[in-house]
Amino acid sequence: MSVFPYLVAAWVLLMGLFGVVRSRHLVHTVVCVSVTQSSTYVLLLAVGYQQKASAPIFGQANPPGSPVVDPVVQAMALTDIVVSATVSALLLALVIQVAKRHGTVVPDELHALRG
């Protein structure tokens, strides 16, 4: 088992969080959140990977007793992609509404939102 995919997932997560913290534009923040969410794809694929395993097609393709990759992890990765696209679309719609109501998408200039 290799630790490299876990390090890549952690690095992508940290770079996305760094971008969220340093962002000075709401659209940039949405892109950084999307990058942060993409680190979970790498993590899920690293968890589900098995060396010398084939695709989970049962029947004639795989003889009984041969190792196969867990299809649940693949389904979770696909679900994660759909959720990520939905969250990005929702956040971009909110950015559009902020731009319409306040005339800016720079968080430092949104004085009306301060308490």
N, C-alpha and C. Protein backbone atom coordinates (compact mmCIF):
# COMPACT_ATOMS: atom_id res chain seq x y z
N MET A 1 0.84 -1.17 0.00
CA MET A 1 0.00 0.00 0.00
C MET A 1 0.89 1.24 0.00
N SER A 2 0.61 2.15 -0.91
CA SER A 2 1.41 3.35 -1.06
C SER A 2 0.78 4.52 -0.30
N VAL A 3 1.60 5.36 0.24
CA VAL A 3 1.13 6.52 0.98
C VAL A 3 1.03 7.75 0.06
N PHE A 4 1.55 7.63 -1.16
CA PHE A 4 1.59 8.76 -2.09
C PHE A 4 0.20 9.34 -2.40
N PRO A 5 -0.84 8.53 -2.71
CA PRO A 5 -2.15 9.14 -2.99
C PRO A 5 -2.73 9.90 -1.80
N TYR A 6 -2.45 9.44 -0.59
CA TYR A 6 -2.93 10.14 0.59
C TYR A 6 -2.22 11.48 0.76
N LEU A 7 -0.94 11.51 0.43
CA LEU A 7 -0.21 12.78 0.48
C LEU A 7 -0.70 13.75 -0.59
N VAL A 8 -1.01 13.23 -1.76
CA VAL A 8 -1.56 14.09 -2.82
C VAL A 8 -2.92 14.65 -2.40
N ALA A 9 -3.77 13.82 -1.82
CA ALA A 9 -5.08 14.29 -1.36
C ALA A 9 -4.92 15.35 -0.28
N ALA A 10 -4.00 15.16 0.64
CA ALA A 10 -3.77 16.15 1.69
C ALA A 10 -3.22 17.45 1.12
N TRP A 11 -2.32 17.34 0.14
CA TRP A 11 -1.75 18.54 -0.49
C TRP A 11 -2.82 19.33 -1.23
N VAL A 12 -3.68 18.65 -1.99
CA VAL A 12 -4.75 19.33 -2.73
C VAL A 12 -5.73 19.98 -1.75
N LEU A 13 -6.03 19.29 -0.65
CA LEU A 13 -6.91 19.86 0.37
C LEU A 13 -6.30 21.12 0.97
N LEU A 14 -5.03 21.06 1.32
CA LEU A 14 -4.38 22.23 1.91
C LEU A 14 -4.27 23.39 0.93
N MET A 15 -4.00 23.11 -0.34
CA MET A 15 -3.93 24.18 -1.33
C MET A 15 -5.30 24.84 -1.54
N GLY A 16 -6.35 24.03 -1.54
CA GLY A 16 -7.69 24.58 -1.67
C GLY A 16 -8.07 25.43 -0.47
N LEU A 17 -7.75 24.95 0.73
CA LEU A 17 -8.04 25.73 1.94
C LEU A 17 -7.21 27.01 1.99
N PHE A 18 -5.97 26.93 1.55
CA PHE A 18 -5.13 28.13 1.48
C PHE A 18 -5.74 29.15 0.52
N GLY A 19 -6.26 28.67 -0.61
CA GLY A 19 -6.90 29.57 -1.56
C GLY A 19 -8.17 30.20 -1.00
N VAL A 20 -8.93 29.44 -0.24
CA VAL A 20 -10.14 29.99 0.38
C VAL A 20 -9.78 31.07 1.38
N VAL A 21 -8.75 30.83 2.18
CA VAL A 21 -8.35 31.80 3.19
C VAL A 21 -7.78 33.07 2.55
N ARG A 22 -7.02 32.94 1.49
CA ARG A 22 -6.36 34.08 0.86
C ARG A 22 -7.18 34.76 -0.22
N SER A 23 -8.37 34.27 -0.49
CA SER A 23 -9.16 34.78 -1.60
C SER A 23 -9.67 36.19 -1.34
N ARG A 24 -9.63 37.02 -2.37
CA ARG A 24 -10.16 38.38 -2.31
C ARG A 24 -11.27 38.61 -3.34
N HIS A 25 -11.85 37.51 -3.83
CA HIS A 25 -12.91 37.58 -4.82
C HIS A 25 -13.81 36.37 -4.60
N LEU A 26 -15.12 36.57 -4.66
CA LEU A 26 -16.03 35.48 -4.34
C LEU A 26 -15.99 34.34 -5.36
N VAL A 27 -15.76 34.66 -6.62
CA VAL A 27 -15.67 33.60 -7.64
C VAL A 27 -14.40 32.78 -7.40
N HIS A 28 -13.33 33.44 -7.03
CA HIS A 28 -12.09 32.73 -6.69
C HIS A 28 -12.32 31.81 -5.50
N THR A 29 -13.11 32.26 -4.54
CA THR A 29 -13.42 31.43 -3.38
C THR A 29 -14.19 30.18 -3.78
N VAL A 30 -15.14 30.32 -4.71
CA VAL A 30 -15.91 29.17 -5.18
C VAL A 30 -14.99 28.18 -5.89
N VAL A 31 -14.07 28.66 -6.68
CA VAL A 31 -13.13 27.77 -7.37
C VAL A 31 -12.24 27.05 -6.36
N CYS A 32 -11.80 27.75 -5.33
CA CYS A 32 -10.96 27.12 -4.31
C CYS A 32 -11.74 26.08 -3.50
N VAL A 33 -13.02 26.33 -3.25
CA VAL A 33 -13.85 25.33 -2.58
C VAL A 33 -13.98 24.09 -3.47
N SER A 34 -14.10 24.29 -4.77
CA SER A 34 -14.18 23.17 -5.70
C SER A 34 -12.88 22.37 -5.70
N VAL A 35 -11.75 23.04 -5.63
CA VAL A 35 -10.46 22.35 -5.55
C VAL A 35 -10.37 21.56 -4.25
N THR A 36 -10.85 22.15 -3.17
CA THR A 36 -10.84 21.46 -1.88
C THR A 36 -11.70 20.20 -1.94
N GLN A 37 -12.85 20.31 -2.58
CA GLN A 37 -13.72 19.14 -2.70
C GLN A 37 -13.12 18.07 -3.59
N SER A 38 -12.31 18.47 -4.56
CA SER A 38 -11.72 17.47 -5.45
C SER A 38 -10.67 16.61 -4.74
N SER A 39 -10.18 17.05 -3.62
CA SER A 39 -9.23 16.21 -2.88
C SER A 39 -9.92 14.94 -2.37
N THR A 40 -11.22 14.99 -2.18
CA THR A 40 -11.93 13.79 -1.72
C THR A 40 -11.99 12.73 -2.82
N TYR A 41 -11.95 13.13 -4.09
CA TYR A 41 -11.93 12.14 -5.17
C TYR A 41 -10.66 11.30 -5.08
N VAL A 42 -9.54 12.00 -4.90
CA VAL A 42 -8.26 11.30 -4.81
C VAL A 42 -8.25 10.38 -3.59
N LEU A 43 -8.79 10.88 -2.49
CA LEU A 43 -8.83 10.07 -1.27
C LEU A 43 -9.70 8.83 -1.46
N LEU A 44 -10.87 8.98 -2.06
CA LEU A 44 -11.74 7.82 -2.27
C LEU A 44 -11.11 6.81 -3.22
N LEU A 45 -10.47 7.28 -4.28
CA LEU A 45 -9.82 6.36 -5.21
C LEU A 45 -8.63 5.67 -4.55
N ALA A 46 -7.95 6.36 -3.66
CA ALA A 46 -6.84 5.73 -2.95
C ALA A 46 -7.34 4.66 -1.99
N VAL A 47 -8.47 4.91 -1.35
CA VAL A 47 -9.03 3.93 -0.42
C VAL A 47 -9.50 2.68 -1.17
N GLY A 48 -10.10 2.87 -2.34
CA GLY A 48 -10.67 1.75 -3.08
C GLY A 48 -9.70 1.00 -3.98
N TYR A 49 -8.48 1.48 -4.11
CA TYR A 49 -7.53 0.85 -5.02
C TYR A 49 -7.01 -0.47 -4.44
N GLN A 50 -6.94 -1.48 -5.30
CA GLN A 50 -6.33 -2.75 -4.93
C GLN A 50 -5.37 -3.15 -6.04
N GLN A 51 -4.19 -3.54 -5.64
CA GLN A 51 -3.19 -3.91 -6.63
C GLN A 51 -3.56 -5.25 -7.27
N LYS A 52 -3.42 -5.32 -8.58
CA LYS A 52 -3.70 -6.51 -9.39
C LYS A 52 -5.17 -6.95 -9.30
N ALA A 53 -6.06 -6.00 -9.11
CA ALA A 53 -7.49 -6.30 -9.08
C ALA A 53 -8.12 -5.82 -10.38
N SER A 54 -9.17 -6.49 -10.80
CA SER A 54 -9.83 -6.13 -12.05
C SER A 54 -11.13 -5.39 -11.76
N ALA A 55 -11.78 -4.99 -12.83
CA ALA A 55 -13.05 -4.27 -12.71
C ALA A 55 -14.11 -5.19 -12.12
N PRO A 56 -15.07 -4.62 -11.39
CA PRO A 56 -16.08 -5.46 -10.72
C PRO A 56 -17.18 -5.93 -11.67
N ILE A 57 -16.79 -6.67 -12.70
CA ILE A 57 -17.76 -7.26 -13.63
C ILE A 57 -17.80 -8.75 -13.33
N PHE A 58 -18.92 -9.19 -12.86
CA PHE A 58 -19.02 -10.59 -12.46
C PHE A 58 -19.59 -11.42 -13.61
N GLY A 59 -19.20 -12.64 -13.70
CA GLY A 59 -19.65 -13.52 -14.78
C GLY A 59 -18.44 -14.15 -15.45
N GLN A 60 -18.41 -14.10 -16.78
CA GLN A 60 -17.34 -14.73 -17.55
C GLN A 60 -16.02 -13.96 -17.45
N ALA A 61 -16.08 -12.64 -17.17
CA ALA A 61 -14.87 -11.81 -17.21
C ALA A 61 -13.91 -12.15 -16.07
N ASN A 62 -14.43 -12.40 -14.88
CA ASN A 62 -13.58 -12.67 -13.72
C ASN A 62 -13.85 -14.08 -13.20
N PRO A 63 -12.82 -14.89 -13.13
CA PRO A 63 -13.02 -16.23 -12.54
C PRO A 63 -13.29 -16.10 -11.04
N PRO A 64 -13.98 -17.04 -10.46
CA PRO A 64 -14.27 -16.99 -9.02
C PRO A 64 -12.98 -16.97 -8.19
N GLY A 65 -12.96 -16.14 -7.18
CA GLY A 65 -11.81 -16.04 -6.31
C GLY A 65 -10.78 -15.02 -6.73
N SER A 66 -10.95 -14.41 -7.91
CA SER A 66 -9.99 -13.38 -8.33
C SER A 66 -10.35 -12.05 -7.65
N PRO A 67 -9.33 -11.24 -7.31
CA PRO A 67 -9.63 -9.97 -6.63
C PRO A 67 -10.27 -8.95 -7.58
N VAL A 68 -11.24 -8.25 -7.05
CA VAL A 68 -11.91 -7.18 -7.81
C VAL A 68 -11.90 -5.92 -6.96
N VAL A 69 -12.00 -4.78 -7.64
CA VAL A 69 -12.05 -3.49 -6.97
C VAL A 69 -13.45 -3.30 -6.39
N ASP A 70 -13.54 -2.67 -5.22
CA ASP A 70 -14.82 -2.45 -4.57
C ASP A 70 -15.65 -1.43 -5.35
N PRO A 71 -16.82 -1.80 -5.86
CA PRO A 71 -17.62 -0.86 -6.65
C PRO A 71 -18.30 0.21 -5.79
N VAL A 72 -18.40 0.00 -4.48
CA VAL A 72 -19.04 1.00 -3.62
C VAL A 72 -18.21 2.28 -3.57
N VAL A 73 -16.89 2.14 -3.55
CA VAL A 73 -16.02 3.30 -3.52
C VAL A 73 -16.14 4.09 -4.82
N GLN A 74 -16.27 3.39 -5.94
CA GLN A 74 -16.45 4.08 -7.21
C GLN A 74 -17.78 4.82 -7.25
N ALA A 75 -18.81 4.21 -6.71
CA ALA A 75 -20.12 4.87 -6.66
C ALA A 75 -20.07 6.09 -5.75
N MET A 76 -19.34 6.00 -4.65
CA MET A 76 -19.20 7.15 -3.76
C MET A 76 -18.44 8.28 -4.43
N ALA A 77 -17.43 7.96 -5.23
CA ALA A 77 -16.68 8.99 -5.96
C ALA A 77 -17.57 9.68 -6.98
N LEU A 78 -18.39 8.92 -7.69
CA LEU A 78 -19.31 9.53 -8.65
C LEU A 78 -20.34 10.40 -7.95
N THR A 79 -20.84 9.96 -6.81
CA THR A 79 -21.77 10.77 -6.03
C THR A 79 -21.10 12.04 -5.53
N ASP A 80 -19.85 11.94 -5.15
CA ASP A 80 -19.10 13.11 -4.70
C ASP A 80 -18.94 14.12 -5.82
N ILE A 81 -18.73 13.66 -7.03
CA ILE A 81 -18.61 14.56 -8.18
C ILE A 81 -19.92 15.30 -8.42
N VAL A 82 -21.03 14.59 -8.33
CA VAL A 82 -22.34 15.22 -8.53
C VAL A 82 -22.62 16.25 -7.44
N VAL A 83 -22.31 15.91 -6.20
CA VAL A 83 -22.52 16.85 -5.09
C VAL A 83 -21.62 18.08 -5.26
N SER A 84 -20.40 17.88 -5.68
CA SER A 84 -19.48 18.99 -5.89
C SER A 84 -19.99 19.93 -6.98
N ALA A 85 -20.50 19.38 -8.07
CA ALA A 85 -21.04 20.22 -9.13
C ALA A 85 -22.26 21.00 -8.65
N THR A 86 -23.09 20.37 -7.84
CA THR A 86 -24.27 21.04 -7.32
C THR A 86 -23.89 22.16 -6.36
N VAL A 87 -22.93 21.90 -5.48
CA VAL A 87 -22.49 22.93 -4.54
C VAL A 87 -21.86 24.10 -5.28
N SER A 88 -21.06 23.82 -6.30
CA SER A 88 -20.45 24.90 -7.08
C SER A 88 -21.50 25.73 -7.79
N ALA A 89 -22.50 25.08 -8.35
CA ALA A 89 -23.57 25.82 -9.02
C ALA A 89 -24.35 26.70 -8.04
N LEU A 90 -24.63 26.17 -6.87
CA LEU A 90 -25.34 26.94 -5.85
C LEU A 90 -24.51 28.13 -5.38
N LEU A 91 -23.23 27.92 -5.14
CA LEU A 91 -22.37 29.02 -4.70
C LEU A 91 -22.23 30.09 -5.78
N LEU A 92 -22.12 29.68 -7.04
CA LEU A 92 -22.03 30.67 -8.11
C LEU A 92 -23.33 31.44 -8.26
N ALA A 93 -24.47 30.79 -8.04
CA ALA A 93 -25.75 31.51 -8.06
C ALA A 93 -25.82 32.53 -6.93
N LEU A 94 -25.30 32.17 -5.77
CA LEU A 94 -25.26 33.12 -4.66
C LEU A 94 -24.33 34.29 -4.95
N VAL A 95 -23.21 34.04 -5.62
CA VAL A 95 -22.31 35.12 -6.01
C VAL A 95 -23.00 36.07 -6.97
N ILE A 96 -23.77 35.53 -7.90
CA ILE A 96 -24.51 36.38 -8.84
C ILE A 96 -25.51 37.25 -8.09
N GLN A 97 -26.20 36.70 -7.10
CA GLN A 97 -27.16 37.48 -6.32
C GLN A 97 -26.46 38.56 -5.50
N VAL A 98 -25.31 38.26 -4.94
CA VAL A 98 -24.55 39.27 -4.20
C VAL A 98 -24.11 40.38 -5.14
N ALA A 99 -23.66 40.02 -6.34
CA ALA A 99 -23.23 41.04 -7.31
C ALA A 99 -24.40 41.92 -7.73
N LYS A 100 -25.59 41.34 -7.89
CA LYS A 100 -26.76 42.13 -8.28
C LYS A 100 -27.19 43.08 -7.16
N ARG A 101 -27.18 42.61 -5.93
CA ARG A 101 -27.68 43.42 -4.82
C ARG A 101 -26.68 44.45 -4.30
N HIS A 102 -25.40 44.11 -4.33
CA HIS A 102 -24.40 44.99 -3.74
C HIS A 102 -23.45 45.61 -4.76
N GLY A 103 -23.48 45.15 -5.99
CA GLY A 103 -22.65 45.74 -7.03
C GLY A 103 -21.18 45.36 -6.97
N THR A 104 -20.81 44.42 -6.13
CA THR A 104 -19.42 43.99 -6.03
C THR A 104 -19.37 42.54 -5.57
N VAL A 105 -18.25 41.90 -5.90
CA VAL A 105 -18.03 40.52 -5.44
C VAL A 105 -16.75 40.43 -4.62
N VAL A 106 -16.27 41.58 -4.18
CA VAL A 106 -15.09 41.62 -3.31
C VAL A 106 -15.59 41.61 -1.86
N PRO A 107 -15.23 40.61 -1.08
CA PRO A 107 -15.77 40.49 0.27
C PRO A 107 -15.47 41.69 1.18
N ASP A 108 -14.33 42.35 0.98
CA ASP A 108 -13.98 43.49 1.83
C ASP A 108 -14.87 44.70 1.57
N GLU A 109 -15.52 44.75 0.42
CA GLU A 109 -16.38 45.88 0.09
C GLU A 109 -17.85 45.64 0.41
N LEU A 110 -18.17 44.53 0.99
CA LEU A 110 -19.56 44.22 1.32
C LEU A 110 -19.86 44.70 2.75
N HIS A 111 -19.99 46.01 2.91
CA HIS A 111 -20.22 46.60 4.23
C HIS A 111 -21.61 46.32 4.75
N ALA A 112 -22.59 46.13 3.85
CA ALA A 112 -23.97 45.92 4.29
C ALA A 112 -24.15 44.57 4.99
N LEU A 113 -23.23 43.66 4.79
CA LEU A 113 -23.35 42.33 5.40
C LEU A 113 -22.72 42.25 6.77
N ARG A 114 -22.03 43.28 7.18
CA ARG A 114 -21.39 43.26 8.51
C ARG A 114 -22.42 43.52 9.59
N GLY A 115 -22.23 42.90 10.76
CA GLY A 115 -23.20 43.01 11.84
C GLY A 115 -23.03 44.20 12.71
